Amino acid sequence: MSTEQLMQRFAAALETDISILKELCSENCKLWHSNDNVWMEQRPALEAFMVAQQAGMIPKFDEVRTMATANGFLAQTSLTMPKIGKIHALQLMTVKDGRISSIEEYIGPEMDLAARLAEA
């Protein structure tokens, strides 16, 4: 798959059906999250995410935007989580041989940093 096709399918996965990622990622795709700083196998993480989403614990992603990079592409998105609020995510995908070989996911809750700093 071309990077452009991967970008389009990745956005569709986030917006409609996260299971689409199974066909986009290589068998040994690795996933990293900024919230725990741990690399893990993408497939078991995706399975757990799908179960949580089907149980209504994770809403659909909003405002998905993608952009090509030298080694793949990135996606910017957000979602609103119960008890947490709006979360922004930037996902950096490395592409090799037409498949996503790694995903780095930077996650941050939306907040008023100036107000938080003023409280300190």
Protein backbone atom coordinates (compact mmCIF):
# COMPACT_ATOMS: atom_id res chain seq x y z
CA MET A 1 0.00 0.00 0.00
CA SER A 2 1.25 3.51 -0.71
CA THR A 3 1.74 5.97 2.15
CA GLU A 4 -1.21 7.99 0.84
CA GLN A 5 -3.43 4.89 0.92
CA LEU A 6 -2.21 4.03 4.42
CA MET A 7 -3.00 7.57 5.58
CA GLN A 8 -6.54 7.37 4.21
CA ARG A 9 -7.19 3.92 5.69
CA PHE A 10 -5.68 4.93 9.06
CA ALA A 11 -8.02 7.93 9.26
CA ALA A 12 -10.95 5.67 8.36
CA ALA A 13 -9.91 3.25 11.12
CA LEU A 14 -9.95 6.01 13.72
CA GLU A 15 -13.22 7.52 12.48
CA THR A 16 -15.25 4.36 11.81
CA ASP A 17 -13.69 0.96 12.56
CA ILE A 18 -10.46 0.61 14.55
CA SER A 19 -10.14 -3.05 13.46
CA ILE A 20 -9.00 -1.75 10.03
CA LEU A 21 -5.58 -1.27 11.67
CA LYS A 22 -5.07 -5.06 11.54
CA GLU A 23 -4.66 -4.89 7.76
CA LEU A 24 -2.44 -1.78 7.83
CA CYS A 25 0.19 -2.87 10.35
CA SER A 26 3.02 -5.34 9.88
CA GLU A 27 2.97 -8.55 11.91
CA ASN A 28 5.71 -7.25 14.22
CA CYS A 29 4.46 -3.65 14.49
CA LYS A 30 5.44 -1.99 17.78
CA LEU A 31 3.44 0.65 19.64
CA TRP A 32 4.66 3.26 22.13
CA HIS A 33 2.51 5.53 24.32
CA SER A 34 3.76 8.73 25.96
CA ASN A 35 1.60 8.09 29.03
CA ASP A 36 3.65 5.04 30.11
CA ASN A 37 6.83 5.29 27.97
CA VAL A 38 6.67 1.57 27.10
CA TRP A 39 7.05 -0.15 23.71
CA MET A 40 4.64 -3.05 23.21
CA GLU A 41 3.36 -5.38 20.52
CA GLN A 42 0.69 -3.54 18.55
CA ARG A 43 -1.67 -6.49 17.98
CA PRO A 44 -2.49 -7.34 21.63
CA ALA A 45 -2.78 -3.62 22.41
CA LEU A 46 -5.21 -3.20 19.50
CA GLU A 47 -7.28 -6.19 20.65
CA ALA A 48 -7.57 -4.70 24.17
CA PHE A 49 -8.47 -1.29 22.71
CA MET A 50 -11.18 -2.84 20.53
CA VAL A 51 -12.72 -4.66 23.51
CA ALA A 52 -12.74 -1.43 25.55
CA GLN A 53 -14.23 0.53 22.65
CA GLN A 54 -16.95 -2.08 22.04
CA ALA A 55 -17.79 -1.92 25.77
CA GLY A 56 -18.39 1.82 25.38
CA MET A 57 -15.34 2.83 27.42
CA ILE A 58 -13.62 4.61 24.51
CA PRO A 59 -15.54 6.92 22.14
CA LYS A 60 -14.78 7.46 18.47
CA PHE A 61 -11.94 9.77 17.52
CA ASP A 62 -12.71 13.30 16.27
CA GLU A 63 -10.96 15.71 13.92
CA VAL A 64 -8.59 13.17 12.32
CA ARG A 65 -5.91 14.85 10.19
CA THR A 66 -2.96 13.13 8.49
CA MET A 67 0.27 14.33 6.90
CA ALA A 68 3.07 12.47 5.13
CA THR A 69 6.56 12.46 6.66
CA ALA A 70 9.94 11.32 5.31
CA ASN A 71 9.50 7.83 6.83
CA GLY A 72 5.72 7.43 6.94
CA PHE A 73 3.01 9.75 8.21
CA LEU A 74 1.48 11.33 11.26
CA ALA A 75 -2.09 11.61 12.44
CA GLN A 76 -3.54 14.24 14.76
CA THR A 77 -6.83 13.55 16.50
CA SER A 78 -8.78 13.98 19.70
CA LEU A 79 -11.46 12.22 21.69
CA THR A 80 -13.49 13.04 24.77
CA MET A 81 -13.21 10.46 27.53
CA PRO A 82 -15.70 10.13 30.37
CA LYS A 83 -14.13 11.25 33.67
CA ILE A 84 -11.05 12.64 31.84
CA GLY A 85 -12.32 15.13 29.28
CA LYS A 86 -10.84 15.97 25.90
CA ILE A 87 -7.58 14.23 25.01
CA HIS A 88 -5.38 15.12 22.05
CA ALA A 89 -3.21 12.51 20.35
CA LEU A 90 -0.45 12.73 17.79
CA GLN A 91 0.49 9.40 16.25
CA LEU A 92 3.73 9.07 14.29
CA MET A 93 3.77 6.06 11.98
CA THR A 94 6.88 4.55 10.41
CA VAL A 95 6.12 2.75 7.14
CA LYS A 96 8.20 -0.10 5.70
CA ASP A 97 7.29 -2.24 2.70
CA GLY A 98 3.81 -0.71 2.44
CA ARG A 99 2.77 -1.45 6.03
CA ILE A 100 2.97 0.43 9.33
CA SER A 101 5.98 -0.95 11.24
CA SER A 102 5.79 1.27 14.33
CA ILE A 103 3.43 3.74 15.98
CA GLU A 104 4.52 6.37 18.50
CA GLU A 105 1.48 7.86 20.23
CA TYR A 106 1.84 11.13 22.12
CA ILE A 107 -1.20 11.69 24.34
CA GLY A 108 -2.13 14.84 26.26
CA PRO A 109 -5.26 16.03 28.03
CA GLU A 110 -6.64 19.41 26.99
CA MET A 111 -6.01 21.95 29.73
CA ASP A 112 -5.42 25.63 30.36
CA LEU A 113 -1.68 25.58 31.06
CA ALA A 114 -1.54 29.28 31.96
CA ALA A 115 -4.21 28.78 34.63
CA ARG A 116 -2.44 25.70 35.99
CA LEU A 117 0.87 27.55 36.20
CA ALA A 118 -0.82 30.48 37.95
CA GLU A 119 -2.10 28.06 40.63
CA ALA A 120 1.42 26.91 41.48
